N, C-alpha and C. Protein backbone atom coordinates (compact mmCIF):
# COMPACT_ATOMS: atom_id res chain seq x y z
N GLN A 1 -4.17 -5.15 12.40
CA GLN A 1 -4.92 -6.38 12.49
C GLN A 1 -4.28 -7.50 11.69
N LEU A 2 -3.68 -7.15 10.58
CA LEU A 2 -3.01 -8.16 9.77
C LEU A 2 -1.83 -8.76 10.53
N ARG A 3 -1.12 -7.93 11.25
CA ARG A 3 0.01 -8.42 12.05
C ARG A 3 -0.50 -9.42 13.11
N TRP A 4 -1.62 -9.09 13.74
CA TRP A 4 -2.20 -9.98 14.73
C TRP A 4 -2.60 -11.31 14.09
N LEU A 5 -3.25 -11.25 12.92
CA LEU A 5 -3.63 -12.48 12.22
C LEU A 5 -2.41 -13.33 11.89
N ARG A 6 -1.36 -12.68 11.44
CA ARG A 6 -0.13 -13.39 11.09
C ARG A 6 0.40 -14.15 12.30
N GLU A 7 0.33 -13.54 13.47
CA GLU A 7 0.81 -14.19 14.68
C GLU A 7 -0.10 -15.33 15.14
N GLU A 8 -1.37 -15.25 14.81
CA GLU A 8 -2.36 -16.22 15.28
C GLU A 8 -2.51 -17.45 14.38
N THR A 9 -2.05 -17.38 13.14
CA THR A 9 -2.28 -18.50 12.23
C THR A 9 -1.08 -18.77 11.33
N ASP A 10 -0.98 -20.00 10.90
CA ASP A 10 0.02 -20.38 9.91
C ASP A 10 -0.61 -20.46 8.52
N LEU A 11 -1.90 -20.22 8.43
CA LEU A 11 -2.59 -20.26 7.14
C LEU A 11 -2.13 -19.10 6.26
N PRO A 12 -2.16 -19.27 4.96
CA PRO A 12 -1.82 -18.16 4.06
C PRO A 12 -2.83 -17.03 4.22
N LEU A 13 -2.35 -15.80 4.19
CA LEU A 13 -3.21 -14.63 4.31
C LEU A 13 -3.20 -13.84 3.01
N ALA A 14 -4.38 -13.55 2.50
CA ALA A 14 -4.52 -12.72 1.31
C ALA A 14 -5.35 -11.49 1.67
N VAL A 15 -4.94 -10.35 1.17
CA VAL A 15 -5.61 -9.09 1.44
C VAL A 15 -6.20 -8.60 0.13
N GLY A 16 -7.43 -8.08 0.17
CA GLY A 16 -8.01 -7.71 -1.10
C GLY A 16 -9.02 -6.60 -1.11
N PHE A 17 -9.14 -5.81 -0.09
CA PHE A 17 -10.11 -4.73 -0.13
C PHE A 17 -9.41 -3.42 -0.49
N GLY A 18 -9.74 -2.86 -1.64
CA GLY A 18 -9.18 -1.58 -2.04
C GLY A 18 -7.79 -1.64 -2.65
N ILE A 19 -7.32 -2.81 -3.00
CA ILE A 19 -6.00 -2.95 -3.60
C ILE A 19 -6.13 -2.69 -5.11
N SER A 20 -5.57 -1.59 -5.58
CA SER A 20 -5.71 -1.27 -7.00
C SER A 20 -4.43 -0.72 -7.62
N LYS A 21 -3.41 -0.48 -6.79
CA LYS A 21 -2.15 0.08 -7.28
C LYS A 21 -0.98 -0.63 -6.61
N PRO A 22 0.18 -0.64 -7.29
CA PRO A 22 1.36 -1.24 -6.66
C PRO A 22 1.70 -0.61 -5.31
N GLU A 23 1.42 0.67 -5.16
CA GLU A 23 1.72 1.34 -3.88
C GLU A 23 0.91 0.75 -2.73
N HIS A 24 -0.25 0.17 -3.04
CA HIS A 24 -1.07 -0.46 -2.00
C HIS A 24 -0.48 -1.79 -1.57
N VAL A 25 0.26 -2.44 -2.46
CA VAL A 25 0.82 -3.76 -2.18
C VAL A 25 2.08 -3.68 -1.33
N MET A 26 2.91 -2.71 -1.61
CA MET A 26 4.24 -2.63 -0.97
C MET A 26 4.20 -2.72 0.56
N PRO A 27 3.32 -1.99 1.25
CA PRO A 27 3.33 -2.10 2.71
C PRO A 27 2.82 -3.45 3.24
N LEU A 28 2.15 -4.22 2.39
CA LEU A 28 1.57 -5.49 2.82
C LEU A 28 2.48 -6.69 2.60
N ARG A 29 3.50 -6.53 1.80
CA ARG A 29 4.26 -7.70 1.35
C ARG A 29 4.97 -8.46 2.45
N GLU A 30 5.26 -7.84 3.57
CA GLU A 30 5.91 -8.57 4.67
C GLU A 30 4.91 -9.36 5.51
N LEU A 31 3.63 -9.01 5.43
CA LEU A 31 2.63 -9.66 6.27
C LEU A 31 1.67 -10.56 5.50
N ALA A 32 1.39 -10.22 4.26
CA ALA A 32 0.41 -10.98 3.47
C ALA A 32 1.13 -11.94 2.52
N ASP A 33 0.47 -13.05 2.27
CA ASP A 33 1.00 -14.03 1.31
C ASP A 33 0.48 -13.76 -0.10
N GLY A 34 -0.57 -12.97 -0.19
CA GLY A 34 -1.14 -12.66 -1.49
C GLY A 34 -2.02 -11.44 -1.42
N VAL A 35 -2.29 -10.89 -2.59
CA VAL A 35 -3.22 -9.77 -2.69
C VAL A 35 -4.26 -10.09 -3.75
N ILE A 36 -5.43 -9.54 -3.58
CA ILE A 36 -6.53 -9.72 -4.52
C ILE A 36 -6.80 -8.36 -5.14
N ILE A 37 -6.70 -8.29 -6.46
CA ILE A 37 -6.73 -7.00 -7.14
C ILE A 37 -8.01 -6.85 -7.95
N GLY A 38 -9.13 -6.71 -7.31
CA GLY A 38 -10.38 -6.53 -8.04
C GLY A 38 -10.58 -5.12 -8.52
N SER A 39 -10.37 -4.14 -7.67
CA SER A 39 -10.68 -2.74 -7.97
C SER A 39 -9.97 -2.22 -9.21
N GLY A 40 -8.70 -2.48 -9.30
CA GLY A 40 -7.92 -1.96 -10.43
C GLY A 40 -8.37 -2.54 -11.76
N ILE A 41 -8.71 -3.82 -11.76
CA ILE A 41 -9.17 -4.45 -12.99
C ILE A 41 -10.57 -3.97 -13.35
N VAL A 42 -11.43 -3.83 -12.36
CA VAL A 42 -12.79 -3.33 -12.61
C VAL A 42 -12.74 -1.95 -13.23
N ARG A 43 -11.84 -1.10 -12.77
CA ARG A 43 -11.72 0.26 -13.36
C ARG A 43 -11.39 0.19 -14.84
N GLN A 44 -10.49 -0.72 -15.20
CA GLN A 44 -10.13 -0.87 -16.61
C GLN A 44 -11.33 -1.37 -17.42
N LEU A 45 -12.08 -2.28 -16.86
CA LEU A 45 -13.25 -2.81 -17.56
C LEU A 45 -14.35 -1.76 -17.69
N GLU A 46 -14.48 -0.89 -16.70
CA GLU A 46 -15.47 0.19 -16.79
C GLU A 46 -15.17 1.09 -17.98
N ASP A 47 -13.90 1.40 -18.20
CA ASP A 47 -13.52 2.22 -19.36
C ASP A 47 -13.93 1.54 -20.66
N LEU A 48 -13.77 0.23 -20.72
CA LEU A 48 -14.15 -0.52 -21.92
C LEU A 48 -15.67 -0.48 -22.12
N VAL A 49 -16.42 -0.75 -21.06
CA VAL A 49 -17.88 -0.77 -21.14
C VAL A 49 -18.43 0.60 -21.54
N GLN A 50 -17.82 1.65 -21.04
CA GLN A 50 -18.27 3.01 -21.35
C GLN A 50 -17.82 3.47 -22.73
N GLY A 51 -17.04 2.66 -23.40
CA GLY A 51 -16.58 3.00 -24.75
C GLY A 51 -15.41 3.96 -24.78
N ALA A 52 -14.78 4.18 -23.64
CA ALA A 52 -13.64 5.12 -23.58
C ALA A 52 -12.40 4.53 -24.24
N VAL A 53 -12.28 3.21 -24.23
CA VAL A 53 -11.13 2.53 -24.85
C VAL A 53 -11.62 1.25 -25.53
N ASP A 54 -10.79 0.70 -26.40
CA ASP A 54 -11.16 -0.54 -27.08
C ASP A 54 -10.67 -1.76 -26.30
N ARG A 55 -11.08 -2.94 -26.76
CA ARG A 55 -10.75 -4.19 -26.07
C ARG A 55 -9.25 -4.41 -25.98
N GLU A 56 -8.54 -4.16 -27.07
CA GLU A 56 -7.09 -4.38 -27.09
C GLU A 56 -6.38 -3.48 -26.07
N THR A 57 -6.78 -2.23 -26.01
CA THR A 57 -6.19 -1.30 -25.04
C THR A 57 -6.49 -1.75 -23.61
N THR A 58 -7.72 -2.19 -23.39
CA THR A 58 -8.11 -2.66 -22.05
C THR A 58 -7.26 -3.85 -21.62
N LEU A 59 -7.11 -4.82 -22.51
CA LEU A 59 -6.30 -6.00 -22.18
C LEU A 59 -4.84 -5.62 -21.92
N LYS A 60 -4.33 -4.68 -22.70
CA LYS A 60 -2.95 -4.23 -22.50
C LYS A 60 -2.80 -3.56 -21.14
N LYS A 61 -3.76 -2.70 -20.77
CA LYS A 61 -3.69 -2.00 -19.48
C LYS A 61 -3.81 -2.98 -18.31
N ILE A 62 -4.69 -3.97 -18.45
CA ILE A 62 -4.82 -4.97 -17.38
C ILE A 62 -3.53 -5.76 -17.25
N GLY A 63 -2.91 -6.11 -18.36
CA GLY A 63 -1.62 -6.80 -18.32
C GLY A 63 -0.54 -5.97 -17.66
N GLN A 64 -0.51 -4.68 -17.98
CA GLN A 64 0.48 -3.78 -17.37
C GLN A 64 0.24 -3.67 -15.87
N LEU A 65 -1.02 -3.57 -15.47
CA LEU A 65 -1.35 -3.50 -14.05
C LEU A 65 -0.91 -4.77 -13.34
N ALA A 66 -1.20 -5.91 -13.94
CA ALA A 66 -0.81 -7.19 -13.34
C ALA A 66 0.71 -7.28 -13.19
N ASN A 67 1.44 -6.89 -14.21
CA ASN A 67 2.91 -6.92 -14.14
C ASN A 67 3.44 -5.99 -13.06
N ALA A 68 2.85 -4.80 -12.95
CA ALA A 68 3.28 -3.84 -11.92
C ALA A 68 2.99 -4.39 -10.53
N MET A 69 1.85 -5.04 -10.37
CA MET A 69 1.51 -5.62 -9.07
C MET A 69 2.48 -6.73 -8.70
N VAL A 70 2.79 -7.59 -9.65
CA VAL A 70 3.75 -8.68 -9.39
C VAL A 70 5.10 -8.10 -8.99
N SER A 71 5.56 -7.08 -9.71
CA SER A 71 6.85 -6.46 -9.40
C SER A 71 6.85 -5.87 -7.99
N SER A 72 5.72 -5.33 -7.56
CA SER A 72 5.66 -4.69 -6.24
C SER A 72 5.64 -5.70 -5.10
N THR A 73 5.46 -6.98 -5.41
CA THR A 73 5.44 -7.98 -4.35
C THR A 73 6.82 -8.51 -4.00
N ALA A 74 7.82 -8.15 -4.76
CA ALA A 74 9.17 -8.65 -4.50
C ALA A 74 9.65 -8.22 -3.13
N ARG A 75 9.96 -9.19 -2.32
CA ARG A 75 10.46 -8.89 -0.96
C ARG A 75 11.96 -8.69 -1.04
N THR A 76 12.43 -7.68 -0.33
CA THR A 76 13.87 -7.39 -0.35
C THR A 76 14.58 -8.00 0.83
């Protein structure tokens, strides 16, 4: 369906349902202009709320996730 949308519009396309790992981004990078990463960040915040990790660790993990996602968007 994303391929069909790409053919039908010149508007930027962002995909964001269930994107939580770099492996989810890689197959989309040729068709999507952006990804929305809610799930992966919410998981990190859940650990913080449940007391499993502290704020500093949570921020570090979210930063690492963001960096990994950015790296996975590089088109070859």
